[in-house]
Structure formats: structure tokens, C-alpha cells
Protein backbone atom coordinates (compact mmCIF):
# COMPACT_ATOMS: atom_id res chain seq x y z
CA MET A 1 77.86 -90.46 -63.38
CA ARG A 2 74.99 -91.29 -65.64
CA VAL A 3 73.56 -88.32 -67.61
CA GLU A 4 71.68 -90.20 -70.26
CA LYS A 5 67.90 -90.45 -70.13
CA PRO A 6 66.46 -93.60 -68.94
CA VAL A 7 64.55 -94.15 -72.35
CA MET A 8 64.71 -96.42 -75.22
CA ARG A 9 67.30 -95.23 -77.55
CA TYR A 10 67.00 -95.93 -81.45
CA LEU A 11 69.78 -97.48 -83.54
CA PRO A 12 71.17 -95.15 -86.39
CA ALA A 13 69.63 -97.72 -88.77
CA ASP A 14 66.08 -97.11 -87.15
CA TRP A 15 66.77 -93.41 -87.56
CA HIS A 16 67.67 -93.52 -91.17
CA ARG A 17 64.80 -96.16 -91.88
CA ASN A 18 62.52 -93.62 -90.32
CA ASN A 19 63.86 -90.69 -92.28
CA ASP A 20 63.55 -92.97 -95.65
CA ALA A 21 60.07 -93.83 -94.82
CA LEU A 22 59.02 -90.23 -94.39
CA ARG A 23 60.92 -89.12 -97.62
CA GLN A 24 59.43 -91.89 -99.43
CA ALA A 25 55.93 -91.28 -98.06
CA SER A 26 56.09 -87.58 -98.86
CA HIS A 27 57.56 -88.32 -102.47
CA ASP A 28 54.53 -90.82 -102.80
CA THR A 29 52.05 -88.77 -101.62
CA ARG A 30 53.24 -85.80 -103.77
CA THR A 31 53.51 -87.88 -106.73
CA THR A 32 49.90 -89.25 -106.11
CA SER A 33 48.61 -85.71 -105.83
CA HIS A 34 50.53 -84.27 -108.67
CA ASN A 35 49.24 -87.22 -110.90
CA PHE A 36 45.69 -86.61 -109.55
CA ARG A 37 46.02 -82.94 -110.30
CA HIS A 38 47.02 -83.69 -113.87
CA GLN A 39 44.28 -86.10 -114.38
CA SER A 40 41.69 -83.64 -112.82
CA HIS A 41 43.22 -80.73 -114.94
CA HIS A 42 42.77 -83.08 -118.02
CA LEU A 43 39.38 -84.17 -116.87
CA ARG A 44 38.26 -80.41 -116.48
CA ASP A 45 39.36 -79.36 -119.76
CA GLN A 46 37.79 -82.27 -121.52
CA THR A 47 34.64 -81.86 -119.81
CA ARG A 48 34.82 -77.98 -120.29
CA ASN A 49 35.39 -78.47 -123.96
CA LYS A 50 32.86 -81.30 -124.37
CA THR A 51 30.16 -79.22 -122.55
CA CYS A 52 31.12 -75.90 -124.62
CA TRP A 53 31.03 -77.97 -127.92
CA ASP A 54 27.83 -79.85 -127.05
CA CYS A 55 26.07 -76.54 -126.17
CA GLU A 56 27.18 -74.85 -129.31
CA ASP A 57 26.28 -77.84 -131.33
CA ASN A 58 22.71 -78.16 -129.89
CA THR A 59 22.56 -74.33 -130.26
CA THR A 60 23.65 -74.83 -133.92
CA ARG A 61 20.96 -77.43 -133.99
CA LEU A 62 18.26 -75.46 -133.01
CA HIS A 63 19.49 -72.50 -135.33
CA ASP A 64 19.01 -75.02 -138.14
CA ARG A 65 15.83 -76.20 -136.80
CA VAL A 66 14.26 -72.58 -136.61
CA TYR A 67 15.46 -72.12 -140.14
CA GLU A 68 13.81 -75.31 -141.24
CA LEU A 69 10.70 -74.57 -139.46
CA GLN A 70 10.54 -70.94 -140.90
CA ARG A 71 11.18 -72.36 -144.43
CA VAL A 72 8.52 -74.92 -143.95
CA THR A 73 6.00 -72.34 -142.46
CA ASP A 74 6.71 -70.15 -145.62
CA ASP A 75 5.96 -72.94 -147.82
CA LEU A 76 2.76 -73.68 -145.75
CA GLN A 77 1.65 -70.11 -145.93
CA ARG A 78 2.32 -70.20 -149.69
CA SER A 79 0.26 -73.46 -149.98
CA LEU A 80 -2.56 -72.16 -147.86
CA LYS A 81 -2.60 -68.82 -150.07
CA GLN A 82 -2.78 -71.20 -153.21
CA VAL A 83 -5.52 -73.21 -151.81
CA ASN A 84 -7.62 -70.32 -150.77
CA ASP A 85 -7.15 -68.90 -154.27
CA GLU A 86 -8.31 -72.31 -155.77
CA ILE A 87 -11.31 -72.24 -153.14
CA SER A 88 -12.24 -68.89 -154.23
CA LYS A 89 -12.03 -69.65 -158.11
CA LEU A 90 -13.86 -72.95 -157.33
CA GLU A 91 -16.57 -71.33 -155.60
CA ASN A 92 -17.15 -68.70 -158.28
CA ALA A 93 -17.13 -71.61 -160.77
CA LYS A 94 -19.59 -73.53 -158.65
CA GLU A 95 -21.79 -70.42 -158.32
CA THR A 96 -21.77 -69.91 -162.26
CA ALA A 97 -22.77 -73.58 -162.84
CA GLU A 98 -25.41 -73.27 -160.22
CA ALA A 99 -26.81 -69.95 -161.73
CA GLU A 100 -26.62 -71.88 -165.13
CA LEU A 101 -28.37 -74.80 -163.68
CA GLU A 102 -31.12 -72.53 -162.36
CA ALA A 103 -31.25 -70.90 -165.70
CA HIS A 104 -32.19 -74.14 -167.28
CA VAL A 105 -35.11 -74.75 -165.12
CA TYR A 106 -37.64 -72.31 -167.19
CA PRO A 107 -36.80 -73.46 -170.58
CA LEU A 108 -36.92 -77.07 -169.21
CA ASN A 109 -40.22 -76.66 -168.02
CA THR A 110 -41.36 -74.97 -171.01
CA ALA A 111 -40.08 -77.78 -173.07
CA LEU A 112 -41.68 -80.27 -170.80
CA GLU A 113 -45.12 -78.48 -171.06
CA CYS A 114 -44.63 -78.17 -174.77
CA LEU A 115 -43.94 -81.79 -174.96
CA THR A 116 -47.10 -82.68 -172.96
CA ILE A 117 -49.19 -80.81 -175.23
CA ARG A 118 -47.74 -82.35 -178.25
CA GLU A 119 -48.25 -85.46 -176.76
CA ARG A 120 -51.93 -85.10 -177.18
CA ARG A 121 -51.64 -85.68 -180.87
CA ARG A 122 -53.23 -88.87 -182.15
CA GLU A 123 -52.49 -91.47 -184.52
CA GLY A 124 -50.62 -90.51 -187.63
CA ASP A 125 -49.61 -86.87 -186.25
CA LEU A 126 -47.93 -88.45 -183.33
CA VAL A 127 -44.66 -88.44 -185.01
CA LYS A 128 -41.00 -88.13 -183.67
CA ASP A 129 -39.95 -84.49 -184.44
CA ASP A 130 -36.32 -83.81 -184.94
CA PRO A 131 -36.03 -81.33 -182.30
CA GLU A 132 -35.81 -83.05 -178.94
CA GLU A 133 -35.38 -80.11 -176.62
CA VAL A 134 -36.13 -81.89 -173.46
CA ARG A 135 -33.39 -84.36 -173.80
CA LEU A 136 -31.00 -81.75 -174.76
CA LEU A 137 -31.96 -79.54 -171.71
CA GLU A 138 -31.89 -82.50 -169.32
CA LYS A 139 -28.31 -83.61 -170.74
CA SER A 140 -27.33 -80.15 -170.29
CA ARG A 141 -28.92 -79.94 -166.85
CA ALA A 142 -27.36 -83.27 -165.94
CA ASN A 143 -23.84 -81.90 -167.11
CA LEU A 144 -24.34 -78.74 -164.99
CA GLU A 145 -25.43 -80.88 -161.80
CA LYS A 146 -22.39 -83.13 -162.48
CA VAL A 147 -20.14 -80.05 -162.43
CA VAL A 148 -21.75 -78.67 -159.41
CA LEU A 149 -21.33 -81.80 -157.57
CA GLU A 150 -17.77 -82.19 -158.65
CA ALA A 151 -17.30 -78.48 -157.66
CA VAL A 152 -18.75 -79.32 -154.07
CA SER A 153 -16.54 -82.52 -153.79
CA HIS A 154 -13.35 -80.57 -154.70
CA LEU A 155 -14.39 -77.79 -152.31
CA ARG A 156 -14.81 -80.27 -149.31
CA VAL A 157 -11.12 -81.67 -150.36
CA LEU A 158 -10.03 -78.26 -150.46
CA HIS A 159 -11.65 -76.99 -147.17
CA ASP A 160 -10.22 -80.08 -145.45
CA ALA A 161 -6.71 -79.48 -146.90
CA LYS A 162 -7.11 -75.78 -145.80
CA GLN A 163 -7.90 -76.92 -142.32
CA ARG A 164 -5.12 -79.24 -142.15
CA LEU A 165 -2.82 -76.48 -143.47
CA GLN A 166 -4.14 -74.03 -141.03
CA ASP A 167 -3.69 -76.50 -138.43
CA ASP A 168 0.02 -77.51 -139.38
CA LEU A 169 0.71 -73.71 -139.85
CA LYS A 170 -0.48 -72.99 -136.21
CA ASP A 171 1.83 -75.99 -134.89
CA LYS A 172 4.73 -74.78 -137.01
CA ARG A 173 4.44 -71.09 -135.52
CA ALA A 174 4.03 -72.49 -131.99
CA ALA A 175 7.08 -74.87 -132.53
CA LEU A 176 9.06 -71.90 -134.25
CA GLN A 177 8.34 -69.85 -131.56
CA VAL A 178 9.33 -72.62 -128.69
CA ASP A 179 12.48 -73.20 -130.53
CA GLY A 180 13.08 -69.69 -131.14
CA THR A 181 12.89 -69.22 -127.36
CA GLN A 182 15.35 -72.12 -126.82
CA THR A 183 17.61 -71.02 -129.14
CA ALA A 184 17.86 -67.74 -127.43
CA LEU A 185 18.65 -69.22 -124.06
CA THR A 186 22.14 -69.04 -122.70
CA VAL A 187 23.84 -69.71 -119.38
CA TYR A 188 23.30 -66.09 -118.31
CA SER A 189 19.35 -66.40 -119.03
CA PRO A 190 17.29 -65.71 -115.79
CA GLN A 191 14.77 -68.36 -116.78
CA ILE A 192 17.20 -71.33 -116.81
CA SER A 193 16.74 -73.90 -113.89
CA PHE A 194 17.05 -77.48 -112.86
CA LYS A 195 14.10 -79.37 -114.09
CA PRO A 196 11.57 -82.17 -112.55
CA ASP A 197 14.09 -84.47 -113.15
CA PRO A 198 48.79 -83.90 -97.30
CA LEU A 199 87.89 -87.69 -69.26
CA ARG A 200 93.09 -88.67 -67.11
CA VAL A 201 96.20 -88.58 -65.80
CA PRO A 202 98.84 -87.33 -67.98
CA LYS A 203 99.58 -91.01 -69.16
CA VAL A 204 96.40 -91.55 -70.85
CA ARG A 205 95.97 -87.63 -72.05
CA ARG A 206 96.66 -89.06 -75.69
CA GLU A 207 94.03 -91.38 -75.40
CA ASP A 208 91.51 -89.16 -73.96
CA GLU A 209 92.44 -86.54 -76.65
CA ALA A 210 91.78 -89.37 -79.40
CA GLN A 211 88.50 -90.15 -77.79
CA GLN A 212 87.70 -86.57 -77.40
CA THR A 213 88.51 -86.03 -81.18
CA ALA A 214 86.59 -89.16 -82.11
CA THR A 215 83.49 -87.89 -80.09
CA ASP A 216 83.82 -84.41 -81.57
CA TYR A 217 83.83 -85.82 -85.00
CA SER A 218 80.92 -87.97 -84.30
CA VAL A 219 79.04 -85.18 -82.66
CA ARG A 220 79.84 -83.03 -85.64
CA ARG A 221 78.96 -85.93 -88.04
CA ARG A 222 75.47 -86.37 -86.23
CA LEU A 223 75.08 -82.59 -86.31
CA HIS A 224 75.50 -82.62 -89.93
CA GLN A 225 72.98 -85.51 -90.39
CA GLU A 226 70.51 -83.98 -88.20
CA THR A 227 70.84 -80.69 -90.02
CA ARG A 228 70.65 -82.21 -93.40
CA ALA A 229 67.56 -84.48 -92.37
CA ARG A 230 65.88 -81.34 -90.91
CA ASP A 231 66.32 -79.22 -94.02
CA GLU A 232 65.44 -82.20 -96.29
CA LEU A 233 62.31 -82.50 -94.00
CA GLN A 234 61.62 -78.66 -94.26
CA TRP A 235 61.84 -78.97 -97.99
CA GLN A 236 59.40 -81.91 -98.01
CA LYS A 237 57.12 -79.69 -95.92
CA ASP A 238 57.37 -76.88 -98.37
CA CYS A 239 56.63 -79.18 -101.35
CA LEU A 240 53.62 -80.55 -99.17
CA LEU A 241 52.30 -76.94 -98.58
CA GLU A 242 52.87 -76.10 -102.35
CA GLU A 243 50.95 -79.27 -103.23
CA ILE A 244 48.16 -78.60 -100.75
CA ARG A 245 47.96 -75.07 -102.19
CA ALA A 246 47.65 -76.57 -105.64
CA GLN A 247 45.28 -79.22 -104.56
CA GLU A 248 42.96 -76.50 -102.79
CA LYS A 249 43.09 -74.52 -105.98
CA GLU A 250 42.36 -77.70 -107.97
CA ILE A 251 39.49 -78.19 -105.66
CA LEU A 252 38.40 -74.65 -106.08
CA ASP A 253 38.54 -75.13 -109.74
CA LEU A 254 36.56 -78.51 -109.64
CA GLU A 255 33.90 -76.72 -107.48
CA GLU A 256 33.56 -74.05 -110.06
CA GLN A 257 33.48 -76.21 -113.01
CA LEU A 258 30.75 -78.10 -111.13
CA ARG A 259 28.71 -74.99 -110.62
CA ALA A 260 29.57 -73.90 -114.11
CA SER A 261 28.29 -77.22 -115.64
CA SER A 262 24.86 -76.56 -113.94
CA LEU A 263 24.02 -73.67 -116.34
CA PRO A 264 24.35 -75.66 -119.57
CA LEU A 265 22.50 -78.47 -117.90
CA LYS A 266 19.67 -76.11 -116.95
CA VAL A 267 19.75 -74.47 -120.61
CA ALA A 268 19.53 -78.11 -121.89
CA GLN A 269 16.79 -79.21 -119.62
CA THR A 270 15.02 -76.14 -120.07
CA ARG A 271 15.10 -76.52 -123.67
CA LEU A 272 13.91 -80.08 -123.48
CA GLU A 273 11.13 -78.97 -121.06
CA GLY A 274 10.24 -76.27 -123.49
CA ARG A 275 10.06 -78.37 -126.56
CA THR A 276 7.33 -80.66 -124.97
CA GLN A 277 4.93 -77.59 -125.67
CA ARG A 278 5.07 -78.55 -129.47
CA VAL A 279 1.81 -80.19 -130.50
CA ARG A 280 0.69 -83.14 -132.75
CA ASN A 281 3.08 -83.74 -135.57
CA ASP A 282 5.69 -81.36 -134.68
CA LEU A 283 6.29 -83.14 -131.33
CA VAL A 284 8.96 -85.29 -133.20
CA ARG A 285 12.37 -86.62 -132.11
CA ASP A 286 14.51 -84.72 -134.48
CA ALA A 287 18.11 -83.69 -134.40
CA PRO A 288 17.66 -81.08 -131.63
CA GLN A 289 15.88 -83.36 -129.61
CA ASP A 290 18.39 -86.12 -129.84
CA GLY A 291 21.21 -83.56 -129.38
CA LEU A 292 19.59 -82.08 -126.35
CA MET A 293 19.15 -85.46 -124.68
CA ALA A 294 22.57 -86.44 -125.43
CA GLU A 295 23.81 -83.33 -123.78
CA VAL A 296 21.67 -83.66 -120.69
CA GLN A 297 23.12 -87.16 -120.28
CA HIS A 298 26.75 -86.20 -120.94
CA LEU A 299 26.28 -83.25 -118.41
CA THR A 300 24.69 -85.52 -115.74
CA GLU A 301 27.53 -87.78 -116.36
CA THR A 302 30.09 -85.14 -116.37
CA ARG A 303 28.66 -83.61 -113.09
CA ARG A 304 28.77 -87.25 -111.46
CA LEU A 305 32.60 -87.44 -112.61
CA LEU A 306 33.24 -83.99 -111.40
CA ARG A 307 31.69 -84.99 -107.95
CA ASP A 308 33.67 -88.08 -107.87
CA SER A 309 36.93 -86.38 -108.69
CA LEU A 310 36.12 -83.36 -106.15
CA ALA A 311 35.76 -86.18 -103.41
CA ARG A 312 38.95 -87.93 -104.50
CA ALA A 313 40.61 -84.31 -104.31
CA LEU A 314 39.38 -83.74 -100.76
CA ASP A 315 40.67 -87.35 -99.92
CA THR A 316 43.90 -86.45 -101.24
CA LEU A 317 43.91 -83.01 -99.69
CA HIS A 318 43.09 -84.60 -96.18
CA ALA A 319 45.96 -87.23 -96.71
CA LEU A 320 48.23 -84.40 -97.68
CA GLN A 321 47.17 -82.41 -94.56
CA ARG A 322 47.60 -85.65 -92.28
CA HIS A 323 51.00 -86.10 -93.71
CA LEU A 324 52.06 -82.57 -93.14
CA ARG A 325 51.06 -83.05 -89.56
CA THR A 326 53.30 -85.94 -89.43
CA VAL A 327 56.02 -84.05 -91.14
CA ASP A 328 55.53 -81.23 -88.65
CA VAL A 329 55.76 -83.48 -85.68
CA ASP A 330 59.07 -85.06 -87.13
CA LEU A 331 60.37 -81.60 -88.09
CA GLY A 332 59.95 -80.32 -84.55
CA ARG A 333 61.78 -83.60 -83.12
CA LYS A 334 64.64 -82.90 -85.65
CA SER A 335 64.87 -79.28 -84.85
CA LEU A 336 65.10 -80.20 -81.21
CA SER A 337 67.63 -82.83 -81.89
CA VAL A 338 69.63 -80.11 -84.14
CA THR A 339 69.50 -77.67 -81.26
CA LEU A 340 70.58 -80.36 -78.76
CA GLU A 341 73.32 -81.34 -80.91
CA LYS A 342 74.44 -77.62 -81.17
CA LYS A 343 74.54 -77.50 -77.49
CA VAL A 344 76.53 -80.69 -76.99
CA GLN A 345 79.07 -78.94 -79.62
CA GLY A 346 79.11 -75.85 -77.97
CA SER A 347 79.76 -77.75 -74.67
CA ARG A 348 82.54 -79.91 -76.21
CA GLN A 349 84.26 -76.72 -77.90
CA ALA A 350 84.44 -75.35 -74.50
CA LEU A 351 86.18 -78.42 -73.13
CA LYS A 352 88.61 -77.99 -76.09
CA ASP A 353 89.26 -74.49 -75.44
CA ARG A 354 89.89 -75.22 -71.71
CA LYS A 355 93.72 -74.55 -70.84
CA PRO A 356 95.68 -77.57 -69.71
CA SER A 357 95.93 -78.04 -65.98
CA GLU A 358 99.29 -76.81 -64.41
CA THR A 359 101.83 -79.01 -62.49
CA LEU A 360 102.65 -78.23 -58.96
CA THR A 361 106.11 -77.10 -59.84
CA HIS A 362 104.81 -74.72 -62.27
CA THR A 363 102.17 -73.57 -59.69
CA ASN A 364 104.98 -72.82 -57.14
CA LEU A 365 107.03 -70.88 -59.67
CA THR A 366 104.07 -69.10 -60.38
CA LEU A 367 103.28 -68.17 -57.03
CA THR A 368 106.88 -67.05 -56.26
CA GLY A 369 107.49 -64.79 -59.28
CA SER A 370 110.50 -66.88 -60.52
CA LEU A 371 108.79 -67.80 -63.74
CA ARG A 372 107.88 -64.31 -64.38
CA ALA A 373 111.49 -62.95 -63.96
CA HIS A 374 113.46 -65.69 -65.37
CA PRO A 375 111.06 -67.76 -67.47
CA THR A 376 113.37 -69.26 -69.97
CA HIS A 377 116.20 -69.95 -67.39
CA ILE A 378 113.90 -71.68 -65.17
CA LEU A 379 112.17 -73.79 -68.02
């Protein structure tokens, strides 16, 4: 009687090879995921620290720049005050010189009139007198005019310097306000945003018993192997589930890190965009500008690395999930095999517990009651 299923059967070596392959695949997958999680954790820590320090460094640079602008603004205010004072004094001096020059008009005219009259003298009386008032007055007038012209020239230079100081001071105050606003920006500021840009007769009974014993041993050994393989596969499944949970957490951390890195990037881009409002000579590529540009480039590269890491994490998670489904299928097969082997063992235990069949003589004695009355004598 044939009780075996007409299907292809695998050799124990194939069965062991399949278990080893699954075991190795589980180990390799977990190792890959474990290594990736460590790399990803290192990347997140490195990028988080770099991002924080870059933001702090640039905030410090902006603070230093604001301090420097405030100092320069104070210097410019002092210089402007000094220029205004100098202009006031020079204008007073010019007015005095002009008044003095005006005061020389009448005496000069009088002297010229007198000189004209005296030029009417004739011959021997037309002499050169010691007092030459006209020349003295003209020399004095020329000196005064020179002073007035120099005062006007200096006033022109001072007014030009005053205008440049006022323009520079206005630019410095605008730059100070811009950098002060950028310094005050944080990741919580509302105005930050992105910018455009896995069986016998008694003769053979001993042979039958030996075969039965060997078969029972084989069944017990096979059941032990199946149970151990199932338990190991269950352990692999538990490890895979733990690794999947860890990988899902890593993905959440990467997504959170990616979202968190957008805020410093918004701050840096907003600061760069805001600093374009500086005008003229203050629109310079200073240390804060270089730091902000480096921070934007670093954060952009960091976000690219985080996106690549997130994509690899998702691929790893999908590989873990696919392998988990493979392990689940094989675990179901092994659980079924263990159940079937236990049923086979139970059936064979019933065969072992079965009483040996009675001989015909023993049966007749039992039926006549002789065995019950004199069992020892008869036997």
C-alpha cells in the first residue's frame, strides 16, 4: 500500500542547504541593515552637529558683523559731528573774512580817490611819498580774498566729505538693521522660508522491532531537526522584525532630520536674501556672507545625502520585508512539517504501545477460563 504523496522529494542535503541559505541570507540582510543603520546614525549625528555648528558659527559671525557695523557707525557719527563742527567754524571764519573784505572797500576807494587827486600834481611836486596806502590796502584785500577762496574750497571739500559720510552712515545703518534682523532669525522664526533658488511473523519480529526502533529514532531525529530549524527560523523572524522596527525608526529619524535641516537652510537662505538689501559700499562679500554661502552649500549637500540615505533605507526596509515574507512562508512550511512529524511520532507511539497479538493456544485457554483459574500451572 503506497501512502506517500506522488511529488518530488528533496534530499536532506537539499533541505540543509536551503536552511543554510536562508540562515545566511537572514544574517547577511541583518548585517547589511545593521551596518547601514550605524552609517546612517553616524551621518545623522555628523550632519546634525555640522548643521548646528554652522548655524552657530554664522550667527556668531553676524553678531561680530553687527558689532563691527555698530562700531563703524559710531565712528562715522563722530566724524560727521567733527565735520559739521569744522564746517560751522570755517563758515564763521569765512563770514568774518568776507566782512573784513567788505570793510576794506570804502578805505580802498577813498585811498584810490586820494591817489587820483594827488596824481594831478605836476613836475617837481609829483613825488613818491612814503605812505602807499593803496598798495597796502590792495595787498590786504588780496590776502582776504585768498582766505575767502581757501575757505570756500575747504568748505566744498568738507561738504563733499559730509555728504559721503551721511551716505555711508545711512548705508551702515541700513546694513546694521539688515544684519540685526538676520541675526535675530532662528529655526522658529515665522518669516523663514525656501528661497528662489527585510510490519511479521514471530520469526522476523526482532527484525521488525529493530526496524521500528530505527524508524522511531529517525522520526525523533527528524522531528528534532525540524523543531530546531523552525525555532531558528522563528528567531530569524524575530530578528528581522526587530531590524525592521529599527530600520523604520531610522527612516523616521532620517525624515525628521531632513525636515529639521530645512529650517537652518531657510534661515541661511533668508539671511543671504536679506543681506542683498545692503547698498553700495556695504554690499561686500564679508565673513558672514562667505559663512552663509558655505552653510547653504553644506546644507544643500547634507539634504542630498539625507535623501540618498533615506532612499537606501527604504530599499533596505523593502528588502527586509521581502525576506521576512520568504521566512514567513518557509516558517509556515517548517511548522507544518513539525506538526506532521509529531503526528507521525504519535502514530508510531500507538504502534509501540499496542499489546502483542495472542497465540491460538493462549486464546483458547482464555476462553475456557483455565488460564484464569490456574495461570501458573498451565503456563
